[in-house]
Amino acid sequence: MKKLTQSAFQKAKNFIMDQGRALDQRRFEFHFEDGPADAVLAALIPYQNDDGGFGHSLEPDIRTPFSSAIVTTVGFQILREIRAPASHILVRKGIQYFITTYDESQQVWHIIPPEVDDAPHAPWWNYENSPETFGQFLVNPRAEIVGYLHEFSDGVPMKLLKTLTTAVLEHLDSLSDEMEMHDSLCFVRLAETEALPNRDKVWAKLARAAAPGVARNAEELTDYVLKPLWLVPSPESPLAAGLKNEVEMNL
């Protein structure tokens, strides 16, 4: 497998240390310099609101300080990557935010709040159009959130967890073998949840429905497309073998 040269690695490090946020720098140190997870957690604290959700431009395309489901999933992506304990206050508050903001009548989380429109944001993050843009939230962000509820299940009502897991897996079964890019990524994060029942079923669906949609050549990578490394973030991914050539191309 291709690897960065030492020179290219140093250039990437210099860019992160010169231009990155403190959070980005602590994450780099965690992954490549044996930096402590506690330093990442400390850098993540300013992005969490009193309600437990995350905001404050943690997702740079959404500049509102208010919490949202989508930005809170970004926070949990980081909590997962550093293996934060379920007992940590950031995790406990974040899980409580998901429980509190769950729309039981529709069995979804609304991806963004109305306040998003009052701050700079990418054009697709428009509150009024968000249900249509994001498929009524049946996958994005629901599938990803369900993964975090399994991973950090302390305090999550078991009945709620079972109901949501059934709903997400039944919806997965109903989907065609052509999966929308962002839905694919939500299902990848769901499938990465070690505590998820029937996770092999999710990986199998991704192999059929998501993998065929990745970029196949370098020219495609210049567009906003599903990049192989997004589906296969590590050599241990169950999708790695089937996308070996595409991953090499992306590297």
Foldseek 3Di string as FASTA:
>chain_A
DDDDDPVVVVVVLVCCVVPNDQLSNQVCCVVPVVHAPVSNVVSQVVQADPQLAGACCCPVQQHDSDGFPQSRLVVVVSCVVNVPALPDPSNVSNLSSCVVQQDVVLRAHQGGDCCSVVDHHDPQPHRVCRCVSCVNRLQVQLLLSLLSCQQSVVPPPPVSSVVSLVSNVVVLVVDDLADDQVSLLNLLNSLVRPRRPPSVVSVVSCLRRPVVFADDAPVVVVDPGRQPCSNVVDCPDPCCVVCVNSVVRSD
